[in-house]
């Protein structure tokens, strides 16, 4: 995934989920887009229903007390 502001390539977390009875049921998560699409294709062929996808970009968090950088998906 490309960051719009900087143009650099960043990681992203792809989550596939289903909403059933007002509840959110998470089915699959990965950082590889191709793998997420292949899982969705398999799921649709097997269960004849689709899933929703959320994309969470990787964020850089700097801890100034510890002087270290952590990467999280939010």
PDB file of N, CA and C in Angstrom:
ATOM      1  N   UNK A   1       0.851  -1.169   0.000  1.00  0.00           N
ATOM      2  CA  UNK A   1       0.000   0.000   0.000  1.00  0.00           C
ATOM      3  C   UNK A   1       0.898   1.233   0.000  1.00  0.00           C
ATOM      4  N   UNK A   2       0.531   2.243  -0.775  1.00  0.00           N
ATOM      5  CA  UNK A   2       1.305   3.473  -0.835  1.00  0.00           C
ATOM      6  C   UNK A   2       0.681   4.544   0.042  1.00  0.00           C
ATOM      7  N   UNK A   3       1.515   5.246   0.789  1.00  0.00           N
ATOM      8  CA  UNK A   3       1.065   6.366   1.598  1.00  0.00           C
ATOM      9  C   UNK A   3       0.828   7.553   0.668  1.00  0.00           C
ATOM     10  N   UNK A   4      -0.320   8.186   0.775  1.00  0.00           N
ATOM     11  CA  UNK A   4      -0.683   9.283  -0.129  1.00  0.00           C
ATOM     12  C   UNK A   4       0.200  10.502   0.094  1.00  0.00           C
ATOM     13  N   UNK A   5       0.493  10.819   1.332  1.00  0.00           N
ATOM     14  CA  UNK A   5       1.265  12.032   1.637  1.00  0.00           C
ATOM     15  C   UNK A   5       2.732  11.914   1.238  1.00  0.00           C
ATOM     16  N   UNK A   6       3.375  10.818   1.622  1.00  0.00           N
ATOM     17  CA  UNK A   6       4.814  10.685   1.393  1.00  0.00           C
ATOM     18  C   UNK A   6       5.152   9.898   0.133  1.00  0.00           C
ATOM     19  N   UNK A   7       4.248   9.056  -0.338  1.00  0.00           N
ATOM     20  CA  UNK A   7       4.511   8.250  -1.516  1.00  0.00           C
ATOM     21  C   UNK A   7       5.340   7.006  -1.245  1.00  0.00           C
ATOM     22  N   UNK A   8       5.636   6.725   0.020  1.00  0.00           N
ATOM     23  CA  UNK A   8       6.420   5.532   0.334  1.00  0.00           C
ATOM     24  C   UNK A   8       5.501   4.344   0.574  1.00  0.00           C
ATOM     25  N   UNK A   9       6.056   3.163   0.393  1.00  0.00           N
ATOM     26  CA  UNK A   9       5.287   1.940   0.562  1.00  0.00           C
ATOM     27  C   UNK A   9       5.205   1.589   2.049  1.00  0.00           C
ATOM     28  N   UNK A  10       3.990   1.354   2.551  1.00  0.00           N
ATOM     29  CA  UNK A  10       3.781   0.979   3.945  1.00  0.00           C
ATOM     30  C   UNK A  10       2.984  -0.318   3.999  1.00  0.00           C
ATOM     31  N   UNK A  11       3.089  -1.008   5.107  1.00  0.00           N
ATOM     32  CA  UNK A  11       2.333  -2.237   5.323  1.00  0.00           C
ATOM     33  C   UNK A  11       0.896  -1.877   5.700  1.00  0.00           C
ATOM     34  N   UNK A  12       0.001  -2.808   5.494  1.00  0.00           N
ATOM     35  CA  UNK A  12      -1.388  -2.640   5.887  1.00  0.00           C
ATOM     36  C   UNK A  12      -1.913  -3.982   6.384  1.00  0.00           C
ATOM     37  N   UNK A  13      -2.861  -3.921   7.298  1.00  0.00           N
ATOM     38  CA  UNK A  13      -3.492  -5.121   7.831  1.00  0.00           C
ATOM     39  C   UNK A  13      -4.883  -5.217   7.220  1.00  0.00           C
ATOM     40  N   UNK A  14      -5.173  -6.336   6.585  1.00  0.00           N
ATOM     41  CA  UNK A  14      -6.465  -6.560   5.947  1.00  0.00           C
ATOM     42  C   UNK A  14      -7.262  -7.525   6.812  1.00  0.00           C
ATOM     43  N   UNK A  15      -8.440  -7.090   7.264  1.00  0.00           N
ATOM     44  CA  UNK A  15      -9.296  -7.926   8.100  1.00  0.00           C
ATOM     45  C   UNK A  15     -10.590  -8.218   7.359  1.00  0.00           C
ATOM     46  N   UNK A  16     -10.952  -9.496   7.316  1.00  0.00           N
ATOM     47  CA  UNK A  16     -12.197  -9.926   6.691  1.00  0.00           C
ATOM     48  C   UNK A  16     -13.158 -10.299   7.820  1.00  0.00           C
ATOM     49  N   UNK A  17     -14.384  -9.770   7.739  1.00  0.00           N
ATOM     50  CA  UNK A  17     -15.344 -10.066   8.792  1.00  0.00           C
ATOM     51  C   UNK A  17     -16.750 -10.165   8.227  1.00  0.00           C
ATOM     52  N   UNK A  18     -17.640 -10.690   9.077  1.00  0.00           N
ATOM     53  CA  UNK A  18     -19.036 -10.892   8.715  1.00  0.00           C
ATOM     54  C   UNK A  18     -19.889 -10.287   9.825  1.00  0.00           C
ATOM     55  N   UNK A  19     -21.001  -9.687   9.463  1.00  0.00           N
ATOM     56  CA  UNK A  19     -21.944  -9.177  10.454  1.00  0.00           C
ATOM     57  C   UNK A  19     -23.165 -10.082  10.407  1.00  0.00           C
ATOM     58  N   UNK A  20     -23.417 -10.740  11.537  1.00  0.00           N
ATOM     59  CA  UNK A  20     -24.518 -11.687  11.605  1.00  0.00           C
ATOM     60  C   UNK A  20     -25.270 -11.455  12.907  1.00  0.00           C
ATOM     61  N   UNK A  21     -26.539 -11.155  12.823  1.00  0.00           N
ATOM     62  CA  UNK A  21     -27.348 -10.922  14.020  1.00  0.00           C
ATOM     63  C   UNK A  21     -26.897  -9.700  14.800  1.00  0.00           C
ATOM     64  N   UNK A  22     -26.356  -8.715  14.107  1.00  0.00           N
ATOM     65  CA  UNK A  22     -25.884  -7.494  14.762  1.00  0.00           C
ATOM     66  C   UNK A  22     -24.528  -7.643  15.426  1.00  0.00           C
ATOM     67  N   UNK A  23     -23.907  -8.802  15.295  1.00  0.00           N
ATOM     68  CA  UNK A  23     -22.587  -9.024  15.879  1.00  0.00           C
ATOM     69  C   UNK A  23     -21.543  -9.147  14.779  1.00  0.00           C
ATOM     70  N   UNK A  24     -20.367  -8.679  15.081  1.00  0.00           N
ATOM     71  CA  UNK A  24     -19.255  -8.715  14.134  1.00  0.00           C
ATOM     72  C   UNK A  24     -18.420  -9.971  14.407  1.00  0.00           C
ATOM     73  N   UNK A  25     -18.285 -10.808  13.395  1.00  0.00           N
ATOM     74  CA  UNK A  25     -17.533 -12.053  13.518  1.00  0.00           C
ATOM     75  C   UNK A  25     -16.320 -11.957  12.598  1.00  0.00           C
ATOM     76  N   UNK A  26     -15.124 -11.916  13.183  1.00  0.00           N
ATOM     77  CA  UNK A  26     -13.901 -11.806  12.392  1.00  0.00           C
ATOM     78  C   UNK A  26     -13.526 -13.183  11.853  1.00  0.00           C
ATOM     79  N   UNK A  27     -13.282 -13.243  10.550  1.00  0.00           N
ATOM     80  CA  UNK A  27     -12.983 -14.509   9.891  1.00  0.00           C
ATOM     81  C   UNK A  27     -11.509 -14.688   9.550  1.00  0.00           C
ATOM     82  N   UNK A  28     -10.831 -13.596   9.159  1.00  0.00           N
ATOM     83  CA  UNK A  28      -9.476 -13.738   8.632  1.00  0.00           C
ATOM     84  C   UNK A  28      -8.759 -12.398   8.710  1.00  0.00           C
ATOM     85  N   UNK A  29      -7.440 -12.420   8.951  1.00  0.00           N
ATOM     86  CA  UNK A  29      -6.640 -11.198   8.890  1.00  0.00           C
ATOM     87  C   UNK A  29      -5.238 -11.540   8.403  1.00  0.00           C
ATOM     88  N   UNK A  30      -4.680 -10.645   7.592  1.00  0.00           N
ATOM     89  CA  UNK A  30      -3.355 -10.850   7.025  1.00  0.00           C
ATOM     90  C   UNK A  30      -2.791  -9.503   6.582  1.00  0.00           C
ATOM     91  N   UNK A  31      -1.499  -9.476   6.318  1.00  0.00           N
ATOM     92  CA  UNK A  31      -0.868  -8.274   5.794  1.00  0.00           C
ATOM     93  C   UNK A  31      -0.643  -8.368   4.293  1.00  0.00           C
ATOM     94  N   UNK A  32      -1.049  -9.469   3.671  1.00  0.00           N
ATOM     95  CA  UNK A  32      -0.858  -9.686   2.240  1.00  0.00           C
ATOM     96  C   UNK A  32      -2.201  -9.555   1.516  1.00  0.00           C
ATOM     97  N   UNK A  33      -2.305  -8.585   0.607  1.00  0.00           N
ATOM     98  CA  UNK A  33      -3.543  -8.322  -0.110  1.00  0.00           C
ATOM     99  C   UNK A  33      -3.956  -9.508  -0.987  1.00  0.00           C
ATOM    100  N   UNK A  34      -2.998 -10.114  -1.655  1.00  0.00           N
ATOM    101  CA  UNK A  34      -3.296 -11.240  -2.537  1.00  0.00           C
ATOM    102  C   UNK A  34      -3.882 -12.413  -1.754  1.00  0.00           C
ATOM    103  N   UNK A  35      -3.328 -12.656  -0.586  1.00  0.00           N
ATOM    104  CA  UNK A  35      -3.821 -13.744   0.264  1.00  0.00           C
ATOM    105  C   UNK A  35      -5.237 -13.461   0.768  1.00  0.00           C
ATOM    106  N   UNK A  36      -5.518 -12.194   1.096  1.00  0.00           N
ATOM    107  CA  UNK A  36      -6.852 -11.812   1.553  1.00  0.00           C
ATOM    108  C   UNK A  36      -7.883 -12.016   0.438  1.00  0.00           C
ATOM    109  N   UNK A  37      -7.533 -11.632  -0.776  1.00  0.00           N
ATOM    110  CA  UNK A  37      -8.457 -11.807  -1.893  1.00  0.00           C
ATOM    111  C   UNK A  37      -8.671 -13.279  -2.231  1.00  0.00           C
ATOM    112  N   UNK A  38      -7.623 -14.088  -2.133  1.00  0.00           N
ATOM    113  CA  UNK A  38      -7.772 -15.532  -2.356  1.00  0.00           C
ATOM    114  C   UNK A  38      -8.658 -16.166  -1.287  1.00  0.00           C
ATOM    115  N   UNK A  39      -8.531 -15.728  -0.030  1.00  0.00           N
ATOM    116  CA  UNK A  39      -9.393 -16.250   1.031  1.00  0.00           C
ATOM    117  C   UNK A  39     -10.836 -15.869   0.751  1.00  0.00           C
ATOM    118  N   UNK A  40     -11.074 -14.627   0.323  1.00  0.00           N
ATOM    119  CA  UNK A  40     -12.442 -14.193   0.039  1.00  0.00           C
ATOM    120  C   UNK A  40     -13.041 -15.006  -1.111  1.00  0.00           C
ATOM    121  N   UNK A  41     -12.255 -15.266  -2.124  1.00  0.00           N
ATOM    122  CA  UNK A  41     -12.714 -16.069  -3.260  1.00  0.00           C
ATOM    123  C   UNK A  41     -13.080 -17.479  -2.798  1.00  0.00           C
ATOM    124  N   UNK A  42     -12.240 -18.083  -1.976  1.00  0.00           N
ATOM    125  CA  UNK A  42     -12.516 -19.415  -1.447  1.00  0.00           C
ATOM    126  C   UNK A  42     -13.775 -19.405  -0.577  1.00  0.00           C
ATOM    127  N   UNK A  43     -13.915 -18.393   0.281  1.00  0.00           N
ATOM    128  CA  UNK A  43     -15.054 -18.305   1.200  1.00  0.00           C
ATOM    129  C   UNK A  43     -16.366 -18.174   0.431  1.00  0.00           C
ATOM    130  N   UNK A  44     -16.368 -17.348  -0.617  1.00  0.00           N
ATOM    131  CA  UNK A  44     -17.580 -17.161  -1.421  1.00  0.00           C
ATOM    132  C   UNK A  44     -17.949 -18.456  -2.140  1.00  0.00           C
ATOM    133  N   UNK A  45     -16.962 -19.153  -2.689  1.00  0.00           N
ATOM    134  CA  UNK A  45     -17.246 -20.420  -3.371  1.00  0.00           C
ATOM    135  C   UNK A  45     -17.769 -21.476  -2.409  1.00  0.00           C
ATOM    136  N   UNK A  46     -17.264 -21.480  -1.191  1.00  0.00           N
ATOM    137  CA  UNK A  46     -17.673 -22.509  -0.225  1.00  0.00           C
ATOM    138  C   UNK A  46     -19.018 -22.205   0.439  1.00  0.00           C
ATOM    139  N   UNK A  47     -19.220 -20.970   0.912  1.00  0.00           N
ATOM    140  CA  UNK A  47     -20.399 -20.630   1.701  1.00  0.00           C
ATOM    141  C   UNK A  47     -21.449 -19.813   0.955  1.00  0.00           C
ATOM    142  N   UNK A  48     -21.165 -19.377  -0.271  1.00  0.00           N
ATOM    143  CA  UNK A  48     -22.096 -18.614  -1.104  1.00  0.00           C
ATOM    144  C   UNK A  48     -22.554 -17.315  -0.450  1.00  0.00           C
ATOM    145  N   UNK A  49     -21.667 -16.678   0.299  1.00  0.00           N
ATOM    146  CA  UNK A  49     -21.930 -15.354   0.881  1.00  0.00           C
ATOM    147  C   UNK A  49     -20.615 -14.603   0.991  1.00  0.00           C
ATOM    148  N   UNK A  50     -20.701 -13.297   0.902  1.00  0.00           N
ATOM    149  CA  UNK A  50     -19.496 -12.479   0.904  1.00  0.00           C
ATOM    150  C   UNK A  50     -19.095 -12.012   2.299  1.00  0.00           C
ATOM    151  N   UNK A  51     -17.922 -11.414   2.383  1.00  0.00           N
ATOM    152  CA  UNK A  51     -17.399 -10.857   3.620  1.00  0.00           C
ATOM    153  C   UNK A  51     -17.080  -9.379   3.410  1.00  0.00           C
ATOM    154  N   UNK A  52     -16.997  -8.639   4.485  1.00  0.00           N
ATOM    155  CA  UNK A  52     -16.568  -7.251   4.444  1.00  0.00           C
ATOM    156  C   UNK A  52     -15.082  -7.178   4.753  1.00  0.00           C
ATOM    157  N   UNK A  53     -14.410  -6.146   4.240  1.00  0.00           N
ATOM    158  CA  UNK A  53     -12.977  -6.007   4.470  1.00  0.00           C
ATOM    159  C   UNK A  53     -12.680  -4.624   5.039  1.00  0.00           C
ATOM    160  N   UNK A  54     -11.813  -4.601   6.048  1.00  0.00           N
ATOM    161  CA  UNK A  54     -11.285  -3.353   6.593  1.00  0.00           C
ATOM    162  C   UNK A  54      -9.785  -3.324   6.343  1.00  0.00           C
ATOM    163  N   UNK A  55      -9.289  -2.136   6.045  1.00  0.00           N
ATOM    164  CA  UNK A  55      -7.863  -1.972   5.796  1.00  0.00           C
ATOM    165  C   UNK A  55      -7.310  -1.007   6.838  1.00  0.00           C
ATOM    166  N   UNK A  56      -6.328  -1.477   7.618  1.00  0.00           N
ATOM    167  CA  UNK A  56      -5.689  -0.673   8.639  1.00  0.00           C
ATOM    168  C   UNK A  56      -4.247  -0.396   8.226  1.00  0.00           C
ATOM    169  N   UNK A  57      -3.888   0.858   7.943  1.00  0.00           N
ATOM    170  CA  UNK A  57      -2.493   1.151   7.585  1.00  0.00           C
ATOM    171  C   UNK A  57      -1.589   1.067   8.814  1.00  0.00           C
ATOM    172  N   UNK A  58      -0.330   0.791   8.575  1.00  0.00           N
ATOM    173  CA  UNK A  58       0.648   0.710   9.657  1.00  0.00           C
ATOM    174  C   UNK A  58       1.052   2.118  10.064  1.00  0.00           C
ATOM    175  N   UNK A  59       1.035   2.380  11.371  1.00  0.00           N
ATOM    176  CA  UNK A  59       1.407   3.697  11.873  1.00  0.00           C
ATOM    177  C   UNK A  59       2.679   3.597  12.696  1.00  0.00           C
ATOM    178  N   UNK A  60       3.487   4.629  12.571  1.00  0.00           N
ATOM    179  CA  UNK A  60       4.729   4.696  13.324  1.00  0.00           C
ATOM    180  C   UNK A  60       4.461   5.498  14.597  1.00  0.00           C
ATOM    181  N   UNK A  61       4.763   4.903  15.763  1.00  0.00           N
ATOM    182  CA  UNK A  61       4.567   5.562  17.051  1.00  0.00           C
ATOM    183  C   UNK A  61       5.927   5.701  17.723  1.00  0.00           C
ATOM    184  N   UNK A  62       6.296   6.942  18.028  1.00  0.00           N
ATOM    185  CA  UNK A  62       7.584   7.209  18.665  1.00  0.00           C
ATOM    186  C   UNK A  62       7.382   7.431  20.150  1.00  0.00           C
ATOM    187  N   UNK A  63       8.063   6.648  20.987  1.00  0.00           N
ATOM    188  CA  UNK A  63       8.013   6.800  22.438  1.00  0.00           C
ATOM    189  C   UNK A  63       9.238   7.617  22.850  1.00  0.00           C
ATOM    190  N   UNK A  64       9.010   8.875  23.205  1.00  0.00           N
ATOM    191  CA  UNK A  64      10.124   9.778  23.493  1.00  0.00           C
ATOM    192  C   UNK A  64      10.814   9.453  24.815  1.00  0.00           C
ATOM    193  N   UNK A  65      10.114   8.802  25.744  1.00  0.00           N
ATOM    194  CA  UNK A  65      10.752   8.427  27.013  1.00  0.00           C
ATOM    195  C   UNK A  65      11.746   7.283  26.802  1.00  0.00           C
ATOM    196  N   UNK A  66      11.318   6.287  26.061  1.00  0.00           N
ATOM    197  CA  UNK A  66      12.159   5.114  25.798  1.00  0.00           C
ATOM    198  C   UNK A  66      13.076   5.331  24.599  1.00  0.00           C
ATOM    199  N   UNK A  67      12.791   6.347  23.808  1.00  0.00           N
ATOM    200  CA  UNK A  67      13.534   6.647  22.577  1.00  0.00           C
ATOM    201  C   UNK A  67      13.546   5.452  21.619  1.00  0.00           C
ATOM    202  N   UNK A  68      12.339   4.945  21.354  1.00  0.00           N
ATOM    203  CA  UNK A  68      12.214   3.837  20.403  1.00  0.00           C
ATOM    204  C   UNK A  68      10.955   4.035  19.547  1.00  0.00           C
ATOM    205  N   UNK A  69      10.966   3.400  18.424  1.00  0.00           N
ATOM    206  CA  UNK A  69       9.859   3.485  17.475  1.00  0.00           C
ATOM    207  C   UNK A  69       9.128   2.151  17.435  1.00  0.00           C
ATOM    208  N   UNK A  70       7.810   2.204  17.522  1.00  0.00           N
ATOM    209  CA  UNK A  70       6.995   1.003  17.407  1.00  0.00           C
ATOM    210  C   UNK A  70       6.024   1.177  16.253  1.00  0.00           C
ATOM    211  N   UNK A  71       5.709   0.085  15.594  1.00  0.00           N
ATOM    212  CA  UNK A  71       4.765   0.124  14.485  1.00  0.00           C
ATOM    213  C   UNK A  71       3.510  -0.617  14.896  1.00  0.00           C
ATOM    214  N   UNK A  72       2.351   0.024  14.709  1.00  0.00           N
ATOM    215  CA  UNK A  72       1.063  -0.583  15.069  1.00  0.00           C
ATOM    216  C   UNK A  72       0.081  -0.426  13.922  1.00  0.00           C
ATOM    217  N   UNK A  73      -0.942  -1.250  13.946  1.00  0.00           N
ATOM    218  CA  UNK A  73      -2.037  -1.136  12.994  1.00  0.00           C
ATOM    219  C   UNK A  73      -3.232  -0.587  13.746  1.00  0.00           C
ATOM    220  N   UNK A  74      -3.773   0.521  13.278  1.00  0.00           N
ATOM    221  CA  UNK A  74      -4.952   1.126  13.917  1.00  0.00           C
ATOM    222  C   UNK A  74      -5.998   1.448  12.912  1.00  0.00           C
TER     223      UNK A  74
END
